[in-house]
N, C-alpha and C. Protein backbone atom coordinates (compact mmCIF):
# COMPACT_ATOMS: atom_id res chain seq x y z
N UNK A 1 -74.98 -48.53 -6.13
CA UNK A 1 -74.15 -48.82 -4.87
C UNK A 1 -75.18 -48.72 -3.65
N UNK A 2 -75.33 -49.88 -3.10
CA UNK A 2 -76.23 -49.89 -1.97
C UNK A 2 -75.74 -48.90 -0.81
N UNK A 3 -76.82 -48.37 -0.15
CA UNK A 3 -76.43 -47.40 1.00
C UNK A 3 -77.20 -47.87 2.32
N UNK A 4 -76.40 -47.93 3.38
CA UNK A 4 -77.00 -48.30 4.68
C UNK A 4 -76.81 -47.00 5.60
N UNK A 5 -77.96 -46.86 6.30
CA UNK A 5 -77.85 -45.74 7.25
C UNK A 5 -78.34 -46.15 8.60
N UNK A 6 -77.81 -45.55 9.67
CA UNK A 6 -78.37 -45.89 11.04
C UNK A 6 -78.10 -44.61 11.90
N UNK A 7 -79.17 -44.49 12.68
CA UNK A 7 -79.19 -43.33 13.72
C UNK A 7 -79.33 -44.05 15.15
N UNK A 8 -78.59 -43.23 16.00
CA UNK A 8 -78.81 -43.65 17.51
C UNK A 8 -78.48 -42.32 18.29
N UNK A 9 -79.21 -42.46 19.44
CA UNK A 9 -78.97 -41.44 20.42
C UNK A 9 -78.10 -42.01 21.61
N UNK A 10 -76.97 -41.32 21.83
CA UNK A 10 -76.20 -41.69 22.92
C UNK A 10 -76.02 -40.60 24.08
N UNK A 11 -76.18 -41.07 25.17
CA UNK A 11 -76.18 -40.21 26.46
C UNK A 11 -74.89 -39.81 26.68
N UNK A 12 -74.06 -39.07 26.02
CA UNK A 12 -72.79 -38.57 26.23
C UNK A 12 -72.60 -37.34 25.32
N UNK A 13 -71.65 -36.59 25.59
CA UNK A 13 -71.26 -35.41 24.73
C UNK A 13 -70.70 -35.89 23.38
N UNK A 14 -70.87 -34.95 22.44
CA UNK A 14 -70.32 -35.33 21.21
C UNK A 14 -68.78 -35.50 21.13
N UNK A 15 -67.99 -34.82 22.06
CA UNK A 15 -66.71 -34.95 22.26
C UNK A 15 -66.38 -36.31 22.77
N UNK A 16 -67.08 -36.89 23.78
CA UNK A 16 -66.86 -38.27 24.29
C UNK A 16 -67.20 -39.30 23.32
N UNK A 17 -68.27 -39.05 22.54
CA UNK A 17 -68.54 -39.95 21.48
C UNK A 17 -67.64 -40.01 20.30
N UNK A 18 -67.18 -38.88 19.95
CA UNK A 18 -66.30 -38.84 18.91
C UNK A 18 -64.81 -39.35 19.27
N UNK A 19 -64.39 -39.28 20.49
CA UNK A 19 -63.14 -39.77 21.14
C UNK A 19 -63.05 -41.31 20.83
N UNK A 20 -64.19 -42.01 20.86
CA UNK A 20 -64.19 -43.45 20.52
C UNK A 20 -64.55 -43.79 19.22
N UNK A 21 -65.38 -43.06 18.50
CA UNK A 21 -65.74 -43.29 17.07
C UNK A 21 -64.52 -43.10 16.19
N UNK A 22 -63.64 -41.99 16.63
CA UNK A 22 -62.47 -41.66 15.79
C UNK A 22 -61.22 -42.69 16.00
N UNK A 23 -61.41 -43.67 16.81
CA UNK A 23 -60.35 -44.65 17.03
C UNK A 23 -60.56 -45.89 16.14
N UNK A 24 -60.36 -45.71 14.89
CA UNK A 24 -60.60 -46.85 13.92
C UNK A 24 -60.06 -48.24 14.21
N UNK A 25 -58.87 -48.31 14.73
CA UNK A 25 -58.30 -49.64 15.12
C UNK A 25 -59.14 -50.48 16.13
N UNK A 26 -59.97 -49.78 16.93
CA UNK A 26 -60.65 -50.60 17.94
C UNK A 26 -62.03 -51.04 17.39
N UNK A 27 -62.49 -50.77 16.13
CA UNK A 27 -63.47 -51.20 15.59
C UNK A 27 -63.62 -52.78 15.42
N UNK A 28 -62.46 -53.33 15.36
CA UNK A 28 -62.33 -54.75 15.22
C UNK A 28 -62.83 -55.46 16.52
N UNK A 29 -62.81 -54.79 17.63
CA UNK A 29 -63.39 -55.32 18.97
C UNK A 29 -64.79 -55.23 19.04
N UNK A 30 -65.45 -54.32 18.11
CA UNK A 30 -66.79 -54.19 18.26
C UNK A 30 -67.79 -55.04 17.55
N UNK A 31 -67.18 -55.89 16.55
CA UNK A 31 -68.09 -56.82 15.86
C UNK A 31 -67.35 -58.03 15.42
N UNK A 32 -68.12 -59.20 15.38
CA UNK A 32 -67.52 -60.40 14.86
C UNK A 32 -67.30 -60.48 13.44
N UNK A 33 -67.95 -59.60 12.65
CA UNK A 33 -67.83 -59.32 11.21
C UNK A 33 -66.46 -58.81 10.89
N UNK A 34 -65.79 -58.10 11.72
CA UNK A 34 -64.50 -57.60 11.49
C UNK A 34 -63.32 -58.55 11.91
N UNK A 35 -62.65 -59.00 10.87
CA UNK A 35 -61.45 -59.79 11.27
C UNK A 35 -60.31 -58.90 11.90
N UNK A 36 -59.80 -58.13 11.10
CA UNK A 36 -58.68 -57.18 11.52
C UNK A 36 -58.78 -55.82 11.04
N UNK A 37 -58.26 -54.84 11.59
CA UNK A 37 -58.09 -53.57 11.16
C UNK A 37 -56.52 -53.21 11.36
N UNK A 38 -55.81 -52.91 10.31
CA UNK A 38 -54.30 -52.60 10.60
C UNK A 38 -54.02 -51.13 10.02
N UNK A 39 -53.43 -50.36 10.88
CA UNK A 39 -53.10 -48.96 10.54
C UNK A 39 -52.02 -49.14 9.51
N UNK A 40 -52.08 -48.46 8.42
CA UNK A 40 -51.06 -48.40 7.26
C UNK A 40 -50.35 -47.27 7.24
N UNK A 41 -50.87 -46.08 7.84
CA UNK A 41 -50.21 -44.83 7.75
C UNK A 41 -51.15 -43.98 8.57
N UNK A 42 -50.79 -42.48 8.55
CA UNK A 42 -51.53 -41.66 9.43
C UNK A 42 -53.03 -41.63 9.20
N UNK A 43 -53.43 -41.75 7.93
CA UNK A 43 -54.92 -41.77 7.58
C UNK A 43 -55.42 -43.00 6.85
N UNK A 44 -54.60 -44.05 6.86
CA UNK A 44 -55.07 -45.23 6.11
C UNK A 44 -55.06 -46.44 7.04
N UNK A 45 -56.06 -47.35 6.52
CA UNK A 45 -56.20 -48.60 7.30
C UNK A 45 -56.54 -49.75 6.40
N UNK A 46 -56.04 -50.97 6.66
CA UNK A 46 -56.52 -52.15 5.99
C UNK A 46 -57.46 -52.95 6.84
N UNK A 47 -58.82 -53.06 6.22
CA UNK A 47 -59.81 -53.82 6.91
C UNK A 47 -59.96 -55.13 6.24
N UNK A 48 -60.18 -56.24 7.19
CA UNK A 48 -60.54 -57.45 6.76
C UNK A 48 -61.78 -57.97 7.39
N UNK A 49 -62.80 -58.14 6.53
CA UNK A 49 -64.11 -58.48 7.21
C UNK A 49 -64.74 -59.89 6.54
N UNK A 50 -65.71 -60.27 7.10
CA UNK A 50 -66.31 -61.55 6.55
C UNK A 50 -67.94 -61.15 6.38
N UNK A 51 -68.30 -61.32 5.19
CA UNK A 51 -69.79 -61.34 5.01
C UNK A 51 -70.33 -62.50 4.38
N UNK A 52 -71.24 -63.15 5.08
CA UNK A 52 -71.82 -64.43 4.56
C UNK A 52 -70.61 -65.41 4.45
N UNK A 53 -69.54 -65.43 5.31
CA UNK A 53 -68.52 -66.47 5.28
C UNK A 53 -67.54 -66.11 4.22
N UNK A 54 -67.77 -64.86 3.53
CA UNK A 54 -66.79 -64.57 2.37
C UNK A 54 -65.89 -63.55 2.92
N UNK A 55 -64.47 -63.74 2.92
CA UNK A 55 -63.54 -62.77 3.40
C UNK A 55 -63.44 -61.71 2.34
N UNK A 56 -63.47 -60.50 2.71
CA UNK A 56 -63.32 -59.34 1.93
C UNK A 56 -62.21 -58.42 2.61
N UNK A 57 -61.60 -57.63 1.68
CA UNK A 57 -60.38 -56.78 2.20
C UNK A 57 -60.49 -55.54 1.45
N UNK A 58 -60.25 -54.46 2.11
CA UNK A 58 -60.17 -53.22 1.52
C UNK A 58 -59.32 -52.27 2.44
N UNK A 59 -58.69 -51.22 1.70
CA UNK A 59 -57.94 -50.26 2.26
C UNK A 59 -58.74 -48.92 2.32
N UNK A 60 -58.79 -48.18 3.44
CA UNK A 60 -59.49 -47.01 3.43
C UNK A 60 -58.64 -45.88 3.78
N UNK A 61 -59.09 -44.76 3.42
CA UNK A 61 -58.36 -43.31 3.73
C UNK A 61 -59.39 -42.57 4.37
N UNK A 62 -58.93 -41.85 5.51
CA UNK A 62 -59.81 -41.10 6.20
C UNK A 62 -59.70 -39.69 5.39
N UNK A 63 -60.99 -39.27 4.99
CA UNK A 63 -61.14 -38.15 4.13
C UNK A 63 -61.41 -36.82 4.85
N UNK A 64 -62.02 -37.06 6.05
CA UNK A 64 -62.40 -35.86 6.80
C UNK A 64 -62.40 -36.37 8.30
N UNK A 65 -61.67 -35.51 9.10
CA UNK A 65 -61.68 -35.92 10.64
C UNK A 65 -61.80 -34.59 11.22
N UNK A 66 -63.07 -34.26 11.57
CA UNK A 66 -63.46 -32.90 12.20
C UNK A 66 -64.09 -33.04 13.58
N UNK A 67 -63.38 -33.40 14.54
CA UNK A 67 -63.97 -33.48 15.76
C UNK A 67 -64.70 -32.27 16.22
N UNK A 68 -65.71 -32.45 17.01
CA UNK A 68 -66.49 -33.66 17.38
C UNK A 68 -67.73 -33.91 16.34
N UNK A 69 -67.62 -33.35 15.19
CA UNK A 69 -68.87 -33.29 14.30
C UNK A 69 -68.80 -34.53 13.26
N UNK A 70 -67.71 -34.71 12.56
CA UNK A 70 -67.70 -35.63 11.40
C UNK A 70 -66.41 -36.43 11.24
N UNK A 71 -66.52 -37.60 10.83
CA UNK A 71 -65.59 -38.52 10.46
C UNK A 71 -65.85 -39.23 9.19
N UNK A 72 -65.18 -39.05 8.04
CA UNK A 72 -65.56 -39.73 6.88
C UNK A 72 -64.41 -40.48 6.37
N UNK A 73 -64.68 -41.45 5.36
CA UNK A 73 -63.69 -42.25 4.77
C UNK A 73 -64.10 -42.71 3.29
N UNK A 74 -63.11 -43.18 2.66
CA UNK A 74 -63.46 -43.75 1.31
C UNK A 74 -62.38 -44.77 1.09
N UNK A 75 -62.78 -45.95 0.36
CA UNK A 75 -61.82 -46.94 0.14
C UNK A 75 -60.83 -46.47 -0.99
N UNK A 76 -59.68 -46.82 -0.86
CA UNK A 76 -58.60 -46.65 -1.94
C UNK A 76 -58.27 -48.07 -2.62
N UNK A 77 -58.58 -49.23 -2.13
CA UNK A 77 -58.30 -50.39 -2.88
C UNK A 77 -59.40 -51.43 -2.27
N UNK A 78 -59.55 -52.54 -2.94
CA UNK A 78 -60.40 -53.67 -2.42
C UNK A 78 -61.84 -53.29 -2.85
N UNK A 79 -62.67 -53.73 -1.75
CA UNK A 79 -64.14 -53.53 -1.89
C UNK A 79 -64.45 -51.87 -1.85
N UNK A 80 -65.01 -51.50 -2.95
CA UNK A 80 -65.39 -49.92 -3.04
C UNK A 80 -66.41 -49.67 -1.91
N UNK A 81 -66.13 -48.65 -1.29
CA UNK A 81 -67.07 -48.11 -0.12
C UNK A 81 -66.55 -46.75 0.19
N UNK A 82 -67.56 -46.03 0.86
CA UNK A 82 -67.23 -44.72 1.52
C UNK A 82 -68.34 -44.60 2.49
N UNK A 83 -68.16 -43.78 3.55
CA UNK A 83 -69.12 -43.48 4.41
C UNK A 83 -68.70 -42.41 5.55
N UNK A 84 -69.62 -42.13 6.48
CA UNK A 84 -69.35 -41.10 7.42
C UNK A 84 -70.24 -41.26 8.69
N UNK A 85 -69.52 -40.85 9.76
CA UNK A 85 -70.30 -40.62 10.98
C UNK A 85 -70.56 -39.20 11.18
N UNK A 86 -71.69 -38.67 11.36
CA UNK A 86 -72.09 -37.33 11.82
C UNK A 86 -72.69 -37.36 13.29
N UNK A 87 -72.13 -36.46 13.99
CA UNK A 87 -72.57 -36.36 15.43
C UNK A 87 -73.13 -34.95 15.61
N UNK A 88 -74.23 -34.81 16.26
CA UNK A 88 -74.85 -33.54 16.54
C UNK A 88 -75.22 -33.71 18.01
N UNK A 89 -75.20 -32.58 18.63
CA UNK A 89 -75.66 -32.41 20.02
C UNK A 89 -77.14 -32.57 19.97
N UNK A 90 -77.65 -33.11 21.05
CA UNK A 90 -79.12 -33.42 21.12
C UNK A 90 -79.41 -33.29 22.72
N UNK A 91 -80.74 -33.10 22.94
CA UNK A 91 -81.20 -32.83 24.30
C UNK A 91 -80.66 -33.99 25.26
N UNK A 92 -80.62 -35.26 24.85
CA UNK A 92 -80.17 -36.34 25.61
C UNK A 92 -78.67 -36.67 25.49
N UNK A 93 -78.01 -35.96 24.78
CA UNK A 93 -76.52 -36.08 24.57
C UNK A 93 -76.00 -35.95 23.24
N UNK A 94 -75.98 -37.02 22.39
CA UNK A 94 -75.45 -36.81 21.01
C UNK A 94 -76.32 -37.85 20.08
N UNK A 95 -76.59 -37.30 18.91
CA UNK A 95 -77.31 -38.02 17.95
C UNK A 95 -76.11 -38.34 16.98
N UNK A 96 -76.02 -39.67 16.73
CA UNK A 96 -74.91 -40.22 15.73
C UNK A 96 -75.59 -40.82 14.55
N UNK A 97 -75.07 -40.47 13.44
CA UNK A 97 -75.70 -41.01 12.17
C UNK A 97 -74.56 -41.57 11.32
N UNK A 98 -74.74 -42.80 10.99
CA UNK A 98 -73.82 -43.53 10.21
C UNK A 98 -74.34 -43.78 8.85
N UNK A 99 -73.63 -43.47 7.76
CA UNK A 99 -74.02 -43.66 6.43
C UNK A 99 -72.72 -44.51 5.73
N UNK A 100 -73.11 -45.57 5.11
CA UNK A 100 -72.13 -46.35 4.43
C UNK A 100 -72.74 -46.92 3.17
N UNK A 101 -71.84 -46.64 2.08
CA UNK A 101 -72.17 -46.94 0.76
C UNK A 101 -71.08 -48.02 0.27
N UNK A 102 -71.61 -49.09 -0.36
CA UNK A 102 -70.45 -50.10 -0.72
C UNK A 102 -70.87 -50.74 -2.04
N UNK A 103 -69.94 -51.45 -2.69
CA UNK A 103 -70.18 -52.14 -3.90
C UNK A 103 -69.33 -53.40 -3.83
N UNK A 104 -69.73 -54.54 -4.49
CA UNK A 104 -68.92 -55.77 -4.37
C UNK A 104 -68.96 -56.16 -5.84
N UNK A 105 -67.94 -57.00 -6.30
CA UNK A 105 -67.67 -57.51 -7.64
C UNK A 105 -68.88 -58.31 -7.96
N UNK A 106 -69.15 -58.43 -9.31
CA UNK A 106 -70.37 -59.14 -9.80
C UNK A 106 -70.39 -60.56 -9.38
N UNK A 107 -69.23 -61.36 -9.52
CA UNK A 107 -69.51 -62.80 -9.12
C UNK A 107 -69.92 -62.87 -7.51
N UNK A 108 -69.73 -62.01 -6.69
CA UNK A 108 -70.09 -62.17 -5.34
C UNK A 108 -71.39 -61.33 -5.08
N UNK A 109 -71.63 -60.53 -5.98
CA UNK A 109 -72.83 -59.49 -5.68
C UNK A 109 -74.06 -59.95 -5.05
N UNK A 110 -74.72 -61.03 -5.68
CA UNK A 110 -75.94 -61.54 -5.20
C UNK A 110 -75.81 -62.17 -3.82
N UNK A 111 -74.82 -62.99 -3.45
CA UNK A 111 -74.54 -63.44 -2.13
C UNK A 111 -74.37 -62.33 -1.20
N UNK A 112 -73.27 -61.57 -1.41
CA UNK A 112 -72.92 -60.43 -0.57
C UNK A 112 -74.07 -59.57 -0.19
N UNK A 113 -74.80 -59.04 -1.32
CA UNK A 113 -75.82 -58.09 -1.10
C UNK A 113 -77.01 -58.72 -0.24
N UNK A 114 -77.23 -59.96 -0.43
CA UNK A 114 -78.27 -60.64 0.32
C UNK A 114 -77.93 -60.76 1.76
N UNK A 115 -76.66 -60.88 2.13
CA UNK A 115 -76.35 -60.92 3.48
C UNK A 115 -75.69 -59.54 4.05
N UNK A 116 -75.24 -58.79 2.98
CA UNK A 116 -74.52 -57.53 3.62
C UNK A 116 -75.39 -56.42 4.23
N UNK A 117 -76.61 -56.23 3.79
CA UNK A 117 -77.50 -55.09 4.17
C UNK A 117 -77.80 -55.45 5.79
N UNK A 118 -78.35 -56.70 5.98
CA UNK A 118 -78.47 -56.98 7.42
C UNK A 118 -77.26 -56.94 8.19
N UNK A 119 -76.19 -57.48 7.65
CA UNK A 119 -74.88 -57.71 8.50
C UNK A 119 -74.29 -56.29 8.76
N UNK A 120 -74.29 -55.37 7.69
CA UNK A 120 -73.72 -54.07 7.79
C UNK A 120 -74.59 -53.27 8.76
N UNK A 121 -75.84 -53.31 8.74
CA UNK A 121 -76.72 -52.73 9.66
C UNK A 121 -76.29 -53.19 10.98
N UNK A 122 -76.24 -54.45 11.20
CA UNK A 122 -75.81 -54.87 12.59
C UNK A 122 -74.37 -54.42 13.00
N UNK A 123 -73.57 -54.40 11.98
CA UNK A 123 -72.20 -53.88 12.23
C UNK A 123 -72.28 -52.46 12.85
N UNK A 124 -72.95 -51.68 12.02
CA UNK A 124 -73.11 -50.18 12.47
C UNK A 124 -73.69 -50.15 13.82
N UNK A 125 -74.76 -51.02 14.21
CA UNK A 125 -75.39 -50.90 15.53
C UNK A 125 -74.46 -51.49 16.53
N UNK A 126 -73.63 -52.57 16.27
CA UNK A 126 -72.67 -53.01 17.07
C UNK A 126 -71.68 -51.96 17.52
N UNK A 127 -71.10 -51.22 16.47
CA UNK A 127 -70.25 -50.18 16.82
C UNK A 127 -70.87 -49.13 17.71
N UNK A 128 -71.97 -48.68 17.37
CA UNK A 128 -72.63 -47.70 18.18
C UNK A 128 -73.06 -48.16 19.56
N UNK A 129 -73.40 -49.42 19.66
CA UNK A 129 -73.69 -49.94 21.02
C UNK A 129 -72.44 -50.12 21.75
N UNK A 130 -71.34 -50.49 21.28
CA UNK A 130 -70.21 -50.72 21.99
C UNK A 130 -69.64 -49.37 22.54
N UNK A 131 -69.61 -48.32 21.61
CA UNK A 131 -69.35 -46.97 22.01
C UNK A 131 -70.10 -46.44 23.22
N UNK A 132 -71.37 -46.69 23.04
CA UNK A 132 -72.35 -46.32 24.27
C UNK A 132 -71.92 -47.01 25.51
N UNK A 133 -71.79 -48.44 25.49
CA UNK A 133 -71.41 -49.16 26.61
C UNK A 133 -70.20 -48.72 27.26
N UNK A 134 -69.06 -48.33 26.45
CA UNK A 134 -67.89 -47.75 26.98
C UNK A 134 -68.05 -46.50 27.79
N UNK A 135 -68.83 -45.59 27.08
CA UNK A 135 -69.13 -44.43 27.81
C UNK A 135 -69.90 -44.52 29.12
N UNK A 136 -70.95 -45.43 29.13
CA UNK A 136 -71.74 -45.65 30.31
C UNK A 136 -70.81 -46.29 31.33
N UNK A 137 -70.05 -47.04 31.10
CA UNK A 137 -69.04 -47.83 32.01
C UNK A 137 -68.18 -46.66 32.61
N UNK A 138 -67.70 -45.72 31.83
CA UNK A 138 -66.86 -44.61 32.36
C UNK A 138 -67.67 -43.64 33.31
N UNK A 139 -68.94 -43.57 33.14
CA UNK A 139 -69.78 -42.67 33.83
C UNK A 139 -70.38 -43.31 35.26
N UNK A 140 -70.31 -44.71 35.38
CA UNK A 140 -70.85 -45.27 36.50
C UNK A 140 -69.85 -45.06 37.63
N UNK A 141 -70.45 -44.87 38.87
CA UNK A 141 -69.60 -44.57 39.97
C UNK A 141 -69.08 -45.87 40.43
N UNK A 142 -67.78 -45.84 40.94
CA UNK A 142 -67.09 -47.00 41.47
C UNK A 142 -67.61 -47.44 42.77
N UNK A 143 -67.53 -48.80 43.13
CA UNK A 143 -67.94 -49.29 44.43
C UNK A 143 -67.39 -48.40 45.50
N UNK A 144 -68.34 -47.95 46.46
CA UNK A 144 -67.93 -47.08 47.52
C UNK A 144 -67.93 -45.65 47.24
N UNK A 145 -67.99 -45.26 45.98
CA UNK A 145 -67.94 -43.76 45.60
C UNK A 145 -69.36 -43.30 45.53
N UNK A 146 -69.60 -42.12 45.92
CA UNK A 146 -70.97 -41.62 45.93
C UNK A 146 -71.41 -41.49 44.45
N UNK A 147 -72.75 -41.72 44.02
CA UNK A 147 -73.21 -41.57 42.82
C UNK A 147 -73.08 -40.14 42.24
């Protein structure tokens, strides 16, 4: 099962970062690779993504939701995958670490794996960048307001 990891430093508190990372439904706004995310229940979501033009679907279940340190999931149908976000306080704000492991069926394995690693790395980076941009937008002073 291939594993993708991504680290980033975000200039915001772990609570602020987790408040955005923990909102799974909004991830579809963060990357073109995600077609839709639909909430199925309290801890379940259906994801529809495109990798190398191939549509893939999977249902995930949140396995751990521990604000502001850890958010983890695993697939319960469709493309096998599991992963987590770990947030730790740092001098500059929050270090966020994404780990994602996935597997695709053998007929699609070569095509998807060739495209998946860079795309999933980009997806992880897109999500982290968008979270950081939203947090930065909240912290900017409004026109006419003192900095």
